[in-house]
C-alpha atoms as a PDB file:
ATOM      1  CA  MET A   1      -0.650 -24.369  30.227  1.00  0.00           C
ATOM      2  CA  ARG A   2      -2.492 -24.583  33.536  1.00  0.00           C
ATOM      3  CA  ALA A   3      -6.223 -24.573  32.871  1.00  0.00           C
ATOM      4  CA  LEU A   4      -9.379 -23.900  34.872  1.00  0.00           C
ATOM      5  CA  ILE A   5     -12.756 -25.228  33.665  1.00  0.00           C
ATOM      6  CA  VAL A   6     -15.886 -23.280  34.634  1.00  0.00           C
ATOM      7  CA  ASP A   7     -19.217 -24.901  33.814  1.00  0.00           C
ATOM      8  CA  ASP A   8     -22.332 -25.572  35.881  1.00  0.00           C
ATOM      9  CA  GLU A   9     -22.833 -28.952  34.157  1.00  0.00           C
ATOM     10  CA  ARG A  10     -20.726 -31.793  35.585  1.00  0.00           C
ATOM     11  CA  LEU A  11     -20.912 -33.882  32.404  1.00  0.00           C
ATOM     12  CA  ALA A  12     -19.733 -30.911  30.323  1.00  0.00           C
ATOM     13  CA  ARG A  13     -16.709 -30.494  32.602  1.00  0.00           C
ATOM     14  CA  GLN A  14     -15.914 -34.200  32.375  1.00  0.00           C
ATOM     15  CA  GLU A  15     -16.140 -34.215  28.568  1.00  0.00           C
ATOM     16  CA  LEU A  16     -13.846 -31.210  28.268  1.00  0.00           C
ATOM     17  CA  ARG A  17     -11.337 -32.868  30.598  1.00  0.00           C
ATOM     18  CA  ARG A  18     -11.426 -35.953  28.395  1.00  0.00           C
ATOM     19  CA  LEU A  19     -10.804 -33.944  25.224  1.00  0.00           C
ATOM     20  CA  LEU A  20      -7.926 -32.069  26.827  1.00  0.00           C
ATOM     21  CA  GLN A  21      -6.093 -35.318  27.550  1.00  0.00           C
ATOM     22  CA  ALA A  22      -4.994 -35.295  23.912  1.00  0.00           C
ATOM     23  CA  HIS A  23      -3.027 -32.086  24.573  1.00  0.00           C
ATOM     24  CA  ALA A  24       0.038 -32.849  26.666  1.00  0.00           C
ATOM     25  CA  ASP A  25       0.846 -29.172  27.278  1.00  0.00           C
ATOM     26  CA  VAL A  26      -2.491 -28.527  29.010  1.00  0.00           C
ATOM     27  CA  SER A  27      -3.126 -29.573  32.614  1.00  0.00           C
ATOM     28  CA  VAL A  28      -6.500 -29.021  34.262  1.00  0.00           C
ATOM     29  CA  GLU A  29      -5.782 -27.515  37.687  1.00  0.00           C
ATOM     30  CA  GLY A  30      -9.341 -27.012  38.860  1.00  0.00           C
ATOM     31  CA  GLU A  31     -13.059 -26.856  38.147  1.00  0.00           C
ATOM     32  CA  ALA A  32     -15.782 -24.418  39.149  1.00  0.00           C
ATOM     33  CA  ARG A  33     -19.565 -24.569  38.872  1.00  0.00           C
ATOM     34  CA  ASN A  34     -20.285 -20.837  38.850  1.00  0.00           C
ATOM     35  CA  ALA A  35     -18.715 -17.396  38.691  1.00  0.00           C
ATOM     36  CA  ASP A  36     -18.179 -17.079  42.455  1.00  0.00           C
ATOM     37  CA  GLU A  37     -16.270 -20.365  42.657  1.00  0.00           C
ATOM     38  CA  ALA A  38     -14.331 -19.436  39.549  1.00  0.00           C
ATOM     39  CA  GLU A  39     -13.168 -16.109  40.953  1.00  0.00           C
ATOM     40  CA  ASP A  40     -11.866 -17.832  44.095  1.00  0.00           C
ATOM     41  CA  LEU A  41      -9.957 -20.404  42.038  1.00  0.00           C
ATOM     42  CA  LEU A  42      -8.572 -17.761  39.687  1.00  0.00           C
ATOM     43  CA  GLU A  43      -7.047 -15.983  42.657  1.00  0.00           C
ATOM     44  CA  ARG A  44      -5.630 -19.156  44.247  1.00  0.00           C
ATOM     45  CA  LEU A  45      -4.500 -21.093  41.176  1.00  0.00           C
ATOM     46  CA  GLU A  46      -3.534 -18.260  38.805  1.00  0.00           C
ATOM     47  CA  PRO A  47      -4.187 -20.409  35.696  1.00  0.00           C
ATOM     48  CA  ASP A  48      -2.880 -19.571  32.239  1.00  0.00           C
ATOM     49  CA  LEU A  49      -6.088 -20.624  30.510  1.00  0.00           C
ATOM     50  CA  LEU A  50      -9.775 -20.354  31.375  1.00  0.00           C
ATOM     51  CA  PHE A  51     -12.537 -22.433  29.778  1.00  0.00           C
ATOM     52  CA  LEU A  52     -15.616 -20.402  30.624  1.00  0.00           C
ATOM     53  CA  ASP A  53     -19.254 -21.389  30.202  1.00  0.00           C
ATOM     54  CA  ILE A  54     -21.512 -18.439  29.401  1.00  0.00           C
ATOM     55  CA  GLN A  55     -24.918 -19.420  30.794  1.00  0.00           C
ATOM     56  CA  MET A  56     -24.672 -20.351  34.464  1.00  0.00           C
ATOM     57  CA  PRO A  57     -26.809 -19.797  37.584  1.00  0.00           C
ATOM     58  CA  GLY A  58     -26.154 -16.377  39.051  1.00  0.00           C
ATOM     59  CA  ARG A  59     -23.707 -14.278  37.054  1.00  0.00           C
ATOM     60  CA  SER A  60     -23.070 -15.286  33.476  1.00  0.00           C
ATOM     61  CA  GLY A  61     -19.590 -16.091  32.257  1.00  0.00           C
ATOM     62  CA  LEU A  62     -19.535 -12.877  30.216  1.00  0.00           C
ATOM     63  CA  THR A  63     -20.405 -10.800  33.276  1.00  0.00           C
ATOM     64  CA  MET A  64     -17.651 -12.490  35.263  1.00  0.00           C
ATOM     65  CA  LEU A  65     -15.151 -11.933  32.469  1.00  0.00           C
ATOM     66  CA  GLU A  66     -16.122  -8.274  32.207  1.00  0.00           C
ATOM     67  CA  GLN A  67     -15.589  -7.797  35.951  1.00  0.00           C
ATOM     68  CA  CYS A  68     -12.288  -9.672  36.088  1.00  0.00           C
ATOM     69  CA  GLU A  69      -9.352  -7.254  36.334  1.00  0.00           C
ATOM     70  CA  ASN A  70      -6.687  -9.490  34.827  1.00  0.00           C
ATOM     71  CA  PRO A  71      -8.253 -12.614  33.306  1.00  0.00           C
ATOM     72  CA  PRO A  72      -6.117 -15.396  31.833  1.00  0.00           C
ATOM     73  CA  GLN A  73      -6.413 -16.402  28.207  1.00  0.00           C
ATOM     74  CA  THR A  74     -10.087 -17.316  27.860  1.00  0.00           C
ATOM     75  CA  ILE A  75     -11.975 -19.748  25.644  1.00  0.00           C
ATOM     76  CA  LEU A  76     -15.742 -19.433  25.920  1.00  0.00           C
ATOM     77  CA  THR A  77     -17.952 -22.520  25.823  1.00  0.00           C
ATOM     78  CA  THR A  78     -21.616 -22.132  24.934  1.00  0.00           C
ATOM     79  CA  ALA A  79     -24.542 -23.703  23.141  1.00  0.00           C
ATOM     80  CA  PHE A  80     -25.496 -20.357  21.580  1.00  0.00           C
ATOM     81  CA  ASP A  81     -23.250 -18.463  19.145  1.00  0.00           C
ATOM     82  CA  GLN A  82     -25.048 -15.125  19.592  1.00  0.00           C
ATOM     83  CA  TYR A  83     -22.774 -14.459  22.564  1.00  0.00           C
ATOM     84  CA  ALA A  84     -19.568 -14.734  20.542  1.00  0.00           C
ATOM     85  CA  LEU A  85     -19.343 -11.062  19.535  1.00  0.00           C
ATOM     86  CA  ARG A  86     -19.478  -9.858  23.144  1.00  0.00           C
ATOM     87  CA  GLY A  87     -16.865 -12.442  24.038  1.00  0.00           C
ATOM     88  CA  PHE A  88     -14.464 -11.164  21.381  1.00  0.00           C
ATOM     89  CA  GLU A  89     -15.051  -7.614  22.639  1.00  0.00           C
ATOM     90  CA  LEU A  90     -13.830  -8.847  26.043  1.00  0.00           C
ATOM     91  CA  ASN A  91     -10.705 -10.243  24.354  1.00  0.00           C
ATOM     92  CA  ALA A  92     -11.674 -13.916  24.506  1.00  0.00           C
ATOM     93  CA  VAL A  93      -9.385 -16.022  22.332  1.00  0.00           C
ATOM     94  CA  ASP A  94     -12.149 -18.175  20.856  1.00  0.00           C
ATOM     95  CA  TYR A  95     -15.516 -19.693  21.604  1.00  0.00           C
ATOM     96  CA  LEU A  96     -16.540 -23.333  21.336  1.00  0.00           C
ATOM     97  CA  LEU A  97     -20.069 -24.432  20.587  1.00  0.00           C
ATOM     98  CA  LYS A  98     -21.374 -27.364  22.600  1.00  0.00           C
ATOM     99  CA  PRO A  99     -21.044 -30.251  22.040  1.00  0.00           C
ATOM    100  CA  ILE A 100     -17.354 -29.417  21.654  1.00  0.00           C
ATOM    101  CA  LEU A 101     -15.571 -31.039  18.730  1.00  0.00           C
ATOM    102  CA  ALA A 102     -11.983 -32.228  19.140  1.00  0.00           C
ATOM    103  CA  GLU A 103     -10.795 -30.391  16.017  1.00  0.00           C
ATOM    104  CA  ARG A 104     -12.344 -27.096  17.155  1.00  0.00           C
ATOM    105  CA  LEU A 105     -10.721 -27.470  20.556  1.00  0.00           C
ATOM    106  CA  SER A 106      -7.369 -28.027  18.853  1.00  0.00           C
ATOM    107  CA  GLU A 107      -7.843 -24.856  16.786  1.00  0.00           C
ATOM    108  CA  ALA A 108      -8.754 -22.825  19.872  1.00  0.00           C
ATOM    109  CA  LEU A 109      -5.681 -24.073  21.733  1.00  0.00           C
ATOM    110  CA  ARG A 110      -3.520 -23.226  18.730  1.00  0.00           C
ATOM    111  CA  ARG A 111      -4.746 -19.646  18.966  1.00  0.00           C
ATOM    112  CA  VAL A 112      -3.972 -19.571  22.697  1.00  0.00           C
ATOM    113  CA  ARG A 113      -0.431 -20.760  22.026  1.00  0.00           C
ATOM    114  CA  LEU A 114      -0.006 -17.998  19.437  1.00  0.00           C
ATOM    115  CA  ARG A 115      -1.071 -15.385  21.959  1.00  0.00           C
ATOM    116  CA  MET A 116       1.238 -16.732  24.617  1.00  0.00           C
ATOM    117  CA  ALA A 117       4.245 -17.092  22.324  1.00  0.00           C
ATOM    118  CA  PRO A 118       7.064 -14.585  22.968  1.00  0.00           C
ATOM    119  CA  PRO A 119       7.238 -11.736  20.459  1.00  0.00           C
ATOM    120  CA  ALA A 120       9.671 -11.954  17.574  1.00  0.00           C
ATOM    121  CA  THR A 121      13.037 -10.301  18.171  1.00  0.00           C
ATOM    122  CA  GLU A 122      12.857  -8.440  14.865  1.00  0.00           C
ATOM    123  CA  PRO A 123       9.876  -6.210  14.040  1.00  0.00           C
ATOM    124  CA  ALA A 124       7.768  -7.138  11.043  1.00  0.00           C
ATOM    125  CA  GLU A 125       7.157  -4.705   8.205  1.00  0.00           C
ATOM    126  CA  GLY A 126       4.426  -2.180   8.804  1.00  0.00           C
ATOM    127  CA  PRO A 127       2.845  -1.305  12.167  1.00  0.00           C
ATOM    128  CA  ALA A 128       4.117  -3.262  15.149  1.00  0.00           C
ATOM    129  CA  GLN A 129       1.631  -5.990  15.949  1.00  0.00           C
ATOM    130  CA  THR A 130       1.657  -8.953  18.298  1.00  0.00           C
ATOM    131  CA  ALA A 131      -0.024 -12.306  17.818  1.00  0.00           C
ATOM    132  CA  ASP A 132      -2.769 -11.486  20.314  1.00  0.00           C
ATOM    133  CA  ARG A 133      -3.857  -8.386  18.363  1.00  0.00           C
ATOM    134  CA  VAL A 134      -3.972  -9.733  14.814  1.00  0.00           C
ATOM    135  CA  MET A 135      -7.408 -11.064  13.988  1.00  0.00           C
ATOM    136  CA  GLU A 136      -7.696 -14.512  12.450  1.00  0.00           C
ATOM    137  CA  ARG A 137     -11.477 -14.579  12.429  1.00  0.00           C
ATOM    138  CA  VAL A 138     -14.242 -12.069  12.955  1.00  0.00           C
ATOM    139  CA  PHE A 139     -17.778 -12.638  14.188  1.00  0.00           C
ATOM    140  CA  VAL A 140     -20.258 -10.826  11.952  1.00  0.00           C
ATOM    141  CA  ARG A 141     -23.929 -10.351  12.721  1.00  0.00           C
ATOM    142  CA  ASP A 142     -26.517  -8.648  10.529  1.00  0.00           C
ATOM    143  CA  GLY A 143     -30.020  -8.906  11.936  1.00  0.00           C
ATOM    144  CA  ASP A 144     -30.743 -12.594  12.488  1.00  0.00           C
ATOM    145  CA  ALA A 145     -27.851 -13.742  10.265  1.00  0.00           C
ATOM    146  CA  CYS A 146     -24.501 -14.621  11.860  1.00  0.00           C
ATOM    147  CA  TRP A 147     -21.154 -15.651  10.403  1.00  0.00           C
ATOM    148  CA  LEU A 148     -17.740 -16.503  11.815  1.00  0.00           C
ATOM    149  CA  VAL A 149     -15.530 -15.430   8.911  1.00  0.00           C
ATOM    150  CA  ARG A 150     -11.860 -16.192   8.399  1.00  0.00           C
ATOM    151  CA  VAL A 151     -10.192 -12.840   7.835  1.00  0.00           C
ATOM    152  CA  GLU A 152      -8.408 -13.986   4.654  1.00  0.00           C
ATOM    153  CA  GLU A 153     -11.849 -14.603   3.097  1.00  0.00           C
ATOM    154  CA  ILE A 154     -12.715 -10.910   3.425  1.00  0.00           C
ATOM    155  CA  ARG A 155     -11.896  -9.093   0.187  1.00  0.00           C
ATOM    156  CA  LEU A 156     -12.900  -5.555   1.169  1.00  0.00           C
ATOM    157  CA  MET A 157     -13.726  -3.461   4.229  1.00  0.00           C
ATOM    158  CA  GLN A 158     -15.444  -0.127   3.714  1.00  0.00           C
ATOM    159  CA  SER A 159     -16.033   2.640   6.236  1.00  0.00           C
ATOM    160  CA  GLU A 160     -19.587   3.869   6.750  1.00  0.00           C
ATOM    161  CA  GLY A 161     -19.335   6.339   9.598  1.00  0.00           C
ATOM    162  CA  ASN A 162     -18.715   4.481  12.858  1.00  0.00           C
ATOM    163  CA  TYR A 163     -19.554   1.193  11.134  1.00  0.00           C
ATOM    164  CA  THR A 164     -17.669  -0.951   8.647  1.00  0.00           C
ATOM    165  CA  ARG A 165     -19.192  -2.870   5.745  1.00  0.00           C
ATOM    166  CA  VAL A 166     -17.518  -6.237   5.284  1.00  0.00           C
ATOM    167  CA  PHE A 167     -17.446  -7.883   1.834  1.00  0.00           C
ATOM    168  CA  PHE A 168     -17.109 -11.679   1.799  1.00  0.00           C
ATOM    169  CA  GLN A 169     -18.709 -14.333  -0.407  1.00  0.00           C
ATOM    170  CA  THR A 170     -22.024 -12.779  -1.514  1.00  0.00           C
ATOM    171  CA  HIS A 171     -22.538 -10.929   1.779  1.00  0.00           C
ATOM    172  CA  GLN A 172     -22.017  -7.266   2.702  1.00  0.00           C
ATOM    173  CA  PRO A 173     -23.078  -6.859   6.357  1.00  0.00           C
ATOM    174  CA  LEU A 174     -22.266  -3.918   8.630  1.00  0.00           C
ATOM    175  CA  ILE A 175     -20.400  -4.393  11.898  1.00  0.00           C
ATOM    176  CA  PRO A 176     -20.347  -1.864  14.764  1.00  0.00           C
ATOM    177  CA  ARG A 177     -16.646  -1.036  14.526  1.00  0.00           C
ATOM    178  CA  SER A 178     -14.915   1.840  12.796  1.00  0.00           C
ATOM    179  CA  LEU A 179     -12.493   1.045   9.995  1.00  0.00           C
ATOM    180  CA  ALA A 180      -9.684   2.640  12.001  1.00  0.00           C
ATOM    181  CA  GLN A 181     -10.336   0.290  14.937  1.00  0.00           C
ATOM    182  CA  ILE A 182     -10.336  -2.753  12.680  1.00  0.00           C
ATOM    183  CA  GLU A 183      -7.201  -1.695  10.788  1.00  0.00           C
ATOM    184  CA  THR A 184      -5.053  -1.930  13.915  1.00  0.00           C
ATOM    185  CA  ARG A 185      -5.819  -5.670  14.089  1.00  0.00           C
ATOM    186  CA  LEU A 186      -5.324  -6.571  10.414  1.00  0.00           C
ATOM    187  CA  HIS A 187      -2.178  -8.253   9.172  1.00  0.00           C
ATOM    188  CA  PRO A 188      -0.176  -5.540   7.337  1.00  0.00           C
ATOM    189  CA  GLY A 189       1.140  -8.046   4.823  1.00  0.00           C
ATOM    190  CA  LEU A 190      -2.361  -9.038   3.739  1.00  0.00           C
ATOM    191  CA  PHE A 191      -4.442  -5.855   3.815  1.00  0.00           C
ATOM    192  CA  PHE A 192      -3.836  -2.495   2.178  1.00  0.00           C
ATOM    193  CA  ARG A 193      -5.610   0.831   2.703  1.00  0.00           C
ATOM    194  CA  ALA A 194      -6.517   1.879  -0.817  1.00  0.00           C
ATOM    195  CA  ASN A 195      -8.071   5.222   0.133  1.00  0.00           C
ATOM    196  CA  ARG A 196      -9.632   7.048   3.044  1.00  0.00           C
ATOM    197  CA  ILE A 197     -12.605   4.699   3.387  1.00  0.00           C
ATOM    198  CA  GLN A 198     -11.570   1.326   1.938  1.00  0.00           C
ATOM    199  CA  ILE A 199      -9.123  -1.449   2.822  1.00  0.00           C
ATOM    200  CA  VAL A 200      -8.558  -4.269   0.334  1.00  0.00           C
ATOM    201  CA  ASN A 201      -7.235  -7.793   0.710  1.00  0.00           C
ATOM    202  CA  LEU A 202      -4.211  -7.992  -1.611  1.00  0.00           C
ATOM    203  CA  ARG A 203      -4.857 -11.661  -2.331  1.00  0.00           C
ATOM    204  CA  TRP A 204      -8.232 -10.814  -3.856  1.00  0.00           C
ATOM    205  CA  ILE A 205      -6.878  -8.364  -6.435  1.00  0.00           C
ATOM    206  CA  ALA A 206      -7.685  -9.647  -9.956  1.00  0.00           C
ATOM    207  CA  GLY A 207      -6.469  -6.661 -11.979  1.00  0.00           C
ATOM    208  CA  ILE A 208      -5.097  -3.124 -11.783  1.00  0.00           C
ATOM    209  CA  SER A 209      -5.486  -0.287 -14.282  1.00  0.00           C
ATOM    210  CA  PRO A 210      -4.253   3.353 -14.237  1.00  0.00           C
ATOM    211  CA  GLU A 211      -6.816   5.971 -13.321  1.00  0.00           C
ATOM    212  CA  GLY A 212      -5.684   9.587 -13.174  1.00  0.00           C
ATOM    213  CA  ASP A 213      -2.779   9.811 -10.729  1.00  0.00           C
ATOM    214  CA  GLY A 214      -3.769   6.559  -9.052  1.00  0.00           C
ATOM    215  CA  TYR A 215      -5.127   3.142  -9.918  1.00  0.00           C
ATOM    216  CA  ARG A 216      -8.382   1.258 -10.110  1.00  0.00           C
ATOM    217  CA  VAL A 217      -8.201  -2.179  -8.537  1.00  0.00           C
ATOM    218  CA  ALA A 218     -10.570  -4.944  -9.618  1.00  0.00           C
ATOM    219  CA  LEU A 219     -11.318  -7.466  -6.887  1.00  0.00           C
ATOM    220  CA  ARG A 220     -12.401 -11.015  -7.585  1.00  0.00           C
ATOM    221  CA  ASP A 221     -16.188 -11.093  -7.102  1.00  0.00           C
ATOM    222  CA  GLY A 222     -16.124  -7.257  -7.081  1.00  0.00           C
ATOM    223  CA  PRO A 223     -16.323  -4.426  -6.531  1.00  0.00           C
ATOM    224  CA  ASP A 224     -13.711  -2.165  -8.129  1.00  0.00           C
ATOM    225  CA  VAL A 225     -11.789   0.096  -5.744  1.00  0.00           C
ATOM    226  CA  ALA A 226     -10.014   3.371  -6.450  1.00  0.00           C
ATOM    227  CA  VAL A 227      -6.477   3.690  -5.099  1.00  0.00           C
ATOM    228  CA  SER A 228      -5.705   7.291  -4.232  1.00  0.00           C
ATOM    229  CA  ARG A 229      -2.660   9.077  -5.588  1.00  0.00           C
ATOM    230  CA  ARG A 230      -1.211   9.165  -2.105  1.00  0.00           C
ATOM    231  CA  GLN A 231      -1.458   5.375  -1.807  1.00  0.00           C
ATOM    232  CA  ALA A 232      -0.460   4.507  -5.378  1.00  0.00           C
ATOM    233  CA  LYS A 233       3.301   4.379  -4.706  1.00  0.00           C
ATOM    234  CA  GLN A 234       2.803   2.167  -1.664  1.00  0.00           C
ATOM    235  CA  LEU A 235       0.710  -0.213  -3.745  1.00  0.00           C
ATOM    236  CA  ARG A 236       3.408  -0.331  -6.432  1.00  0.00           C
ATOM    237  CA  ASP A 237       5.994  -1.129  -3.776  1.00  0.00           C
ATOM    238  CA  ARG A 238       3.812  -3.788  -2.188  1.00  0.00           C
ATOM    239  CA  LEU A 239       3.058  -5.542  -5.456  1.00  0.00           C
ATOM    240  CA  ALA A 240       6.374  -4.718  -7.193  1.00  0.00           C
ATOM    241  CA  LEU A 241       4.584  -3.057 -10.087  1.00  0.00           C
END
């Protein structure tokens, strides 16, 4: 992967270069100190991967990314995690908090490799999805509280109008995305739409009991979820009931 580093701090660029030496498949092709320099290098070098600082003199990294017509795979670098949600909305692969840790850089590069991998020759079960569309983590913000949650830790997602309530650990924050939007990026082998407004994580199911023409599913750490009659057969097939 041919990489471009964009950061107004020289020491930050040097440190990232040093960390990238441990990854033989990544070569740093250029550096830029601001958005204007970065745009020129993007056009000339056509890199596969962009390490992009957010706060820089002039235009921010997010503004540059928003204005870029065809950006490469992008990893944001920042000292402030409140910018992560906007970055994910712009299809950034990951974001790294400064000072960057070697293990977090490795994880971010793993995600880039997944996105750049060729699609499988045989379609998976359920809706067709590619590696760059399936979420592995989701940034959740509720007031002043922020979390970066691994998707498999989410036991339930519940529609509330144009928002979705996310159940994980002891938290139940709302995120500004509709359930339908989120569903397109969930792994079909892990999540199941139980009814019109709720999607459950199959790995969190602790028990199932009949209820009318459907089922009632008990999730570990709650709550219980009703499975509609229309979805009951699909659940039986999925869990081989």
